[in-house]
């Protein structure tokens, strides 16, 4: 998806490297719980995971 945004000129060229770095950092803090769901460790209390506009559109 990021590459498509760069190709279409909607995202700056260095964006994929930045996005990859952010995803790698998040994956380091993500563990799979006994229920099979991901648990993100070391996250700030003020971050509303899954409450954004995108999450609401997916439901």
PDB file of N, CA and C in Angstrom:
ATOM      1  N   UNK A   1       0.813  -1.192   0.000  1.00  0.00           N
ATOM      2  CA  UNK A   1       0.000   0.000   0.000  1.00  0.00           C
ATOM      3  C   UNK A   1       0.861   1.263   0.000  1.00  0.00           C
ATOM      4  N   UNK A   2       1.921   1.261   0.789  1.00  0.00           N
ATOM      5  CA  UNK A   2       2.793   2.435   0.845  1.00  0.00           C
ATOM      6  C   UNK A   2       3.452   2.654  -0.504  1.00  0.00           C
ATOM      7  N   UNK A   3       3.940   1.571  -1.109  1.00  0.00           N
ATOM      8  CA  UNK A   3       4.593   1.705  -2.408  1.00  0.00           C
ATOM      9  C   UNK A   3       3.639   2.271  -3.458  1.00  0.00           C
ATOM     10  N   UNK A   4       2.399   1.864  -3.403  1.00  0.00           N
ATOM     11  CA  UNK A   4       1.410   2.381  -4.352  1.00  0.00           C
ATOM     12  C   UNK A   4       1.207   3.878  -4.145  1.00  0.00           C
ATOM     13  N   UNK A   5       1.168   4.304  -2.892  1.00  0.00           N
ATOM     14  CA  UNK A   5       1.030   5.732  -2.611  1.00  0.00           C
ATOM     15  C   UNK A   5       2.201   6.536  -3.129  1.00  0.00           C
ATOM     16  N   UNK A   6       3.420   5.986  -3.036  1.00  0.00           N
ATOM     17  CA  UNK A   6       4.612   6.669  -3.563  1.00  0.00           C
ATOM     18  C   UNK A   6       4.541   6.721  -5.088  1.00  0.00           C
ATOM     19  N   UNK A   7       4.198   5.595  -5.708  1.00  0.00           N
ATOM     20  CA  UNK A   7       4.114   5.550  -7.181  1.00  0.00           C
ATOM     21  C   UNK A   7       3.093   6.540  -7.715  1.00  0.00           C
ATOM     22  N   UNK A   8       2.017   6.726  -6.992  1.00  0.00           N
ATOM     23  CA  UNK A   8       0.962   7.640  -7.440  1.00  0.00           C
ATOM     24  C   UNK A   8       1.245   9.093  -7.045  1.00  0.00           C
ATOM     25  N   UNK A   9       2.352   9.331  -6.361  1.00  0.00           N
ATOM     26  CA  UNK A   9       2.723  10.688  -5.993  1.00  0.00           C
ATOM     27  C   UNK A   9       2.002  11.233  -4.780  1.00  0.00           C
ATOM     28  N   UNK A  10       1.323  10.372  -4.034  1.00  0.00           N
ATOM     29  CA  UNK A  10       0.590  10.828  -2.855  1.00  0.00           C
ATOM     30  C   UNK A  10       1.462  10.843  -1.601  1.00  0.00           C
ATOM     31  N   UNK A  11       2.565  10.104  -1.643  1.00  0.00           N
ATOM     32  CA  UNK A  11       3.494  10.048  -0.512  1.00  0.00           C
ATOM     33  C   UNK A  11       4.889  10.399  -1.007  1.00  0.00           C
ATOM     34  N   UNK A  12       5.702  11.055  -0.165  1.00  0.00           N
ATOM     35  CA  UNK A  12       7.068  11.384  -0.576  1.00  0.00           C
ATOM     36  C   UNK A  12       7.909  10.111  -0.723  1.00  0.00           C
ATOM     37  N   UNK A  13       8.922  10.167  -1.572  1.00  0.00           N
ATOM     38  CA  UNK A  13       9.766   9.005  -1.880  1.00  0.00           C
ATOM     39  C   UNK A  13      10.388   8.339  -0.653  1.00  0.00           C
ATOM     40  N   UNK A  14      10.847   9.077   0.378  1.00  0.00           N
ATOM     41  CA  UNK A  14      11.461   8.394   1.523  1.00  0.00           C
ATOM     42  C   UNK A  14      10.456   7.718   2.461  1.00  0.00           C
ATOM     43  N   UNK A  15       9.173   7.855   2.212  1.00  0.00           N
ATOM     44  CA  UNK A  15       8.165   7.344   3.123  1.00  0.00           C
ATOM     45  C   UNK A  15       8.243   5.835   3.355  1.00  0.00           C
ATOM     46  N   UNK A  16       8.477   4.991   2.338  1.00  0.00           N
ATOM     47  CA  UNK A  16       8.531   3.546   2.603  1.00  0.00           C
ATOM     48  C   UNK A  16       9.582   3.158   3.640  1.00  0.00           C
ATOM     49  N   UNK A  17      10.741   3.779   3.611  1.00  0.00           N
ATOM     50  CA  UNK A  17      11.785   3.452   4.593  1.00  0.00           C
ATOM     51  C   UNK A  17      11.338   3.833   6.002  1.00  0.00           C
ATOM     52  N   UNK A  18      10.675   4.963   6.120  1.00  0.00           N
ATOM     53  CA  UNK A  18      10.182   5.414   7.430  1.00  0.00           C
ATOM     54  C   UNK A  18       9.075   4.475   7.923  1.00  0.00           C
ATOM     55  N   UNK A  19       8.165   4.101   7.016  1.00  0.00           N
ATOM     56  CA  UNK A  19       7.077   3.199   7.388  1.00  0.00           C
ATOM     57  C   UNK A  19       7.614   1.830   7.793  1.00  0.00           C
ATOM     58  N   UNK A  20       8.609   1.325   7.056  1.00  0.00           N
ATOM     59  CA  UNK A  20       9.216   0.031   7.397  1.00  0.00           C
ATOM     60  C   UNK A  20       9.866   0.064   8.771  1.00  0.00           C
ATOM     61  N   UNK A  21      10.529   1.172   9.086  1.00  0.00           N
ATOM     62  CA  UNK A  21      11.178   1.316  10.395  1.00  0.00           C
ATOM     63  C   UNK A  21      10.129   1.338  11.513  1.00  0.00           C
ATOM     64  N   UNK A  22       9.027   2.035  11.285  1.00  0.00           N
ATOM     65  CA  UNK A  22       7.962   2.089  12.278  1.00  0.00           C
ATOM     66  C   UNK A  22       7.310   0.729  12.487  1.00  0.00           C
ATOM     67  N   UNK A  23       7.077   0.006  11.396  1.00  0.00           N
ATOM     68  CA  UNK A  23       6.481  -1.338  11.508  1.00  0.00           C
ATOM     69  C   UNK A  23       7.414  -2.287  12.243  1.00  0.00           C
ATOM     70  N   UNK A  24       8.704  -2.214  11.942  1.00  0.00           N
ATOM     71  CA  UNK A  24       9.677  -3.088  12.613  1.00  0.00           C
ATOM     72  C   UNK A  24       9.697  -2.808  14.113  1.00  0.00           C
ATOM     73  N   UNK A  25       9.627  -1.535  14.484  1.00  0.00           N
ATOM     74  CA  UNK A  25       9.611  -1.176  15.912  1.00  0.00           C
ATOM     75  C   UNK A  25       8.361  -1.706  16.589  1.00  0.00           C
ATOM     76  N   UNK A  26       7.222  -1.596  15.917  1.00  0.00           N
ATOM     77  CA  UNK A  26       5.975  -2.080  16.489  1.00  0.00           C
ATOM     78  C   UNK A  26       5.996  -3.603  16.635  1.00  0.00           C
ATOM     79  N   UNK A  27       6.523  -4.300  15.637  1.00  0.00           N
ATOM     80  CA  UNK A  27       6.585  -5.762  15.713  1.00  0.00           C
ATOM     81  C   UNK A  27       7.460  -6.246  16.866  1.00  0.00           C
ATOM     82  N   UNK A  28       8.489  -5.472  17.208  1.00  0.00           N
ATOM     83  CA  UNK A  28       9.345  -5.838  18.340  1.00  0.00           C
ATOM     84  C   UNK A  28       8.576  -5.788  19.662  1.00  0.00           C
ATOM     85  N   UNK A  29       7.511  -4.998  19.701  1.00  0.00           N
ATOM     86  CA  UNK A  29       6.742  -4.809  20.932  1.00  0.00           C
ATOM     87  C   UNK A  29       5.419  -5.576  20.905  1.00  0.00           C
ATOM     88  N   UNK A  30       5.230  -6.430  19.899  1.00  0.00           N
ATOM     89  CA  UNK A  30       3.983  -7.171  19.759  1.00  0.00           C
ATOM     90  C   UNK A  30       4.208  -8.647  20.072  1.00  0.00           C
ATOM     91  N   UNK A  31       3.402  -9.166  20.982  1.00  0.00           N
ATOM     92  CA  UNK A  31       3.453 -10.575  21.342  1.00  0.00           C
ATOM     93  C   UNK A  31       2.074 -11.180  21.104  1.00  0.00           C
ATOM     94  N   UNK A  32       2.029 -12.455  20.771  1.00  0.00           N
ATOM     95  CA  UNK A  32       0.750 -13.141  20.601  1.00  0.00           C
ATOM     96  C   UNK A  32       0.361 -13.737  21.940  1.00  0.00           C
ATOM     97  N   UNK A  33      -0.836 -13.382  22.410  1.00  0.00           N
ATOM     98  CA  UNK A  33      -1.325 -13.875  23.693  1.00  0.00           C
ATOM     99  C   UNK A  33      -1.840 -15.298  23.593  1.00  0.00           C
ATOM    100  N   UNK A  34      -2.173 -15.881  24.723  1.00  0.00           N
ATOM    101  CA  UNK A  34      -2.681 -17.254  24.762  1.00  0.00           C
ATOM    102  C   UNK A  34      -4.009 -17.382  24.018  1.00  0.00           C
ATOM    103  N   UNK A  35      -4.712 -16.241  23.839  1.00  0.00           N
ATOM    104  CA  UNK A  35      -5.971 -16.247  23.101  1.00  0.00           C
ATOM    105  C   UNK A  35      -5.770 -16.100  21.597  1.00  0.00           C
ATOM    106  N   UNK A  36      -4.489 -15.991  21.177  1.00  0.00           N
ATOM    107  CA  UNK A  36      -4.172 -15.858  19.762  1.00  0.00           C
ATOM    108  C   UNK A  36      -4.225 -14.435  19.244  1.00  0.00           C
ATOM    109  N   UNK A  37      -4.550 -13.488  20.105  1.00  0.00           N
ATOM    110  CA  UNK A  37      -4.634 -12.090  19.703  1.00  0.00           C
ATOM    111  C   UNK A  37      -3.320 -11.374  19.996  1.00  0.00           C
ATOM    112  N   UNK A  38      -2.989 -10.352  19.203  1.00  0.00           N
ATOM    113  CA  UNK A  38      -1.752  -9.621  19.457  1.00  0.00           C
ATOM    114  C   UNK A  38      -1.878  -8.721  20.677  1.00  0.00           C
ATOM    115  N   UNK A  39      -0.814  -8.648  21.447  1.00  0.00           N
ATOM    116  CA  UNK A  39      -0.721  -7.750  22.598  1.00  0.00           C
ATOM    117  C   UNK A  39       0.479  -6.850  22.375  1.00  0.00           C
ATOM    118  N   UNK A  40       0.236  -5.543  22.369  1.00  0.00           N
ATOM    119  CA  UNK A  40       1.315  -4.583  22.183  1.00  0.00           C
ATOM    120  C   UNK A  40       1.797  -4.150  23.554  1.00  0.00           C
ATOM    121  N   UNK A  41       3.084  -4.366  23.821  1.00  0.00           N
ATOM    122  CA  UNK A  41       3.661  -3.985  25.102  1.00  0.00           C
ATOM    123  C   UNK A  41       4.251  -2.587  25.008  1.00  0.00           C
ATOM    124  N   UNK A  42       4.413  -1.943  26.149  1.00  0.00           N
ATOM    125  CA  UNK A  42       5.087  -0.653  26.228  1.00  0.00           C
ATOM    126  C   UNK A  42       4.427   0.406  25.349  1.00  0.00           C
ATOM    127  N   UNK A  43       3.107   0.519  25.446  1.00  0.00           N
ATOM    128  CA  UNK A  43       2.380   1.512  24.661  1.00  0.00           C
ATOM    129  C   UNK A  43       1.872   2.597  25.615  1.00  0.00           C
ATOM    130  N   UNK A  44       1.845   3.821  25.151  1.00  0.00           N
ATOM    131  CA  UNK A  44       1.368   4.927  25.973  1.00  0.00           C
ATOM    132  C   UNK A  44      -0.130   4.787  26.224  1.00  0.00           C
ATOM    133  N   UNK A  45      -0.541   5.173  27.404  1.00  0.00           N
ATOM    134  CA  UNK A  45      -1.941   5.064  27.801  1.00  0.00           C
ATOM    135  C   UNK A  45      -2.857   5.875  26.898  1.00  0.00           C
ATOM    136  N   UNK A  46      -2.384   6.977  26.371  1.00  0.00           N
ATOM    137  CA  UNK A  46      -3.212   7.859  25.556  1.00  0.00           C
ATOM    138  C   UNK A  46      -3.423   7.398  24.130  1.00  0.00           C
ATOM    139  N   UNK A  47      -2.813   6.300  23.718  1.00  0.00           N
ATOM    140  CA  UNK A  47      -2.959   5.823  22.348  1.00  0.00           C
ATOM    141  C   UNK A  47      -4.225   4.984  22.251  1.00  0.00           C
ATOM    142  N   UNK A  48      -5.146   5.409  21.399  1.00  0.00           N
ATOM    143  CA  UNK A  48      -6.416   4.689  21.227  1.00  0.00           C
ATOM    144  C   UNK A  48      -6.263   3.673  20.106  1.00  0.00           C
ATOM    145  N   UNK A  49      -5.777   2.501  20.424  1.00  0.00           N
ATOM    146  CA  UNK A  49      -5.600   1.457  19.422  1.00  0.00           C
ATOM    147  C   UNK A  49      -6.967   0.955  18.989  1.00  0.00           C
ATOM    148  N   UNK A  50      -7.218   0.985  17.698  1.00  0.00           N
ATOM    149  CA  UNK A  50      -8.472   0.473  17.160  1.00  0.00           C
ATOM    150  C   UNK A  50      -9.657   1.410  17.282  1.00  0.00           C
ATOM    151  N   UNK A  51      -9.435   2.644  17.692  1.00  0.00           N
ATOM    152  CA  UNK A  51     -10.553   3.567  17.857  1.00  0.00           C
ATOM    153  C   UNK A  51     -10.549   4.657  16.779  1.00  0.00           C
ATOM    154  N   UNK A  52      -9.618   4.575  15.840  1.00  0.00           N
ATOM    155  CA  UNK A  52      -9.527   5.594  14.802  1.00  0.00           C
ATOM    156  C   UNK A  52     -10.592   5.440  13.738  1.00  0.00           C
ATOM    157  N   UNK A  53     -10.645   6.408  12.863  1.00  0.00           N
ATOM    158  CA  UNK A  53     -11.640   6.406  11.797  1.00  0.00           C
ATOM    159  C   UNK A  53     -11.502   5.151  10.927  1.00  0.00           C
ATOM    160  N   UNK A  54     -10.261   4.742  10.645  1.00  0.00           N
ATOM    161  CA  UNK A  54     -10.032   3.557   9.838  1.00  0.00           C
ATOM    162  C   UNK A  54     -10.570   2.298  10.482  1.00  0.00           C
ATOM    163  N   UNK A  55     -10.404   2.186  11.792  1.00  0.00           N
ATOM    164  CA  UNK A  55     -10.906   1.010  12.513  1.00  0.00           C
ATOM    165  C   UNK A  55     -12.421   0.961  12.453  1.00  0.00           C
ATOM    166  N   UNK A  56     -13.055   2.116  12.559  1.00  0.00           N
ATOM    167  CA  UNK A  56     -14.515   2.145  12.524  1.00  0.00           C
ATOM    168  C   UNK A  56     -15.034   1.763  11.147  1.00  0.00           C
ATOM    169  N   UNK A  57     -14.300   2.150  10.091  1.00  0.00           N
ATOM    170  CA  UNK A  57     -14.732   1.812   8.743  1.00  0.00           C
ATOM    171  C   UNK A  57     -14.583   0.325   8.469  1.00  0.00           C
ATOM    172  N   UNK A  58     -13.640  -0.361   9.151  1.00  0.00           N
ATOM    173  CA  UNK A  58     -13.418  -1.782   8.925  1.00  0.00           C
ATOM    174  C   UNK A  58     -14.443  -2.642   9.645  1.00  0.00           C
ATOM    175  N   UNK A  59     -15.066  -2.125  10.675  1.00  0.00           N
ATOM    176  CA  UNK A  59     -16.018  -2.933  11.466  1.00  0.00           C
ATOM    177  C   UNK A  59     -17.310  -3.170  10.732  1.00  0.00           C
TER     178      UNK A  59
END
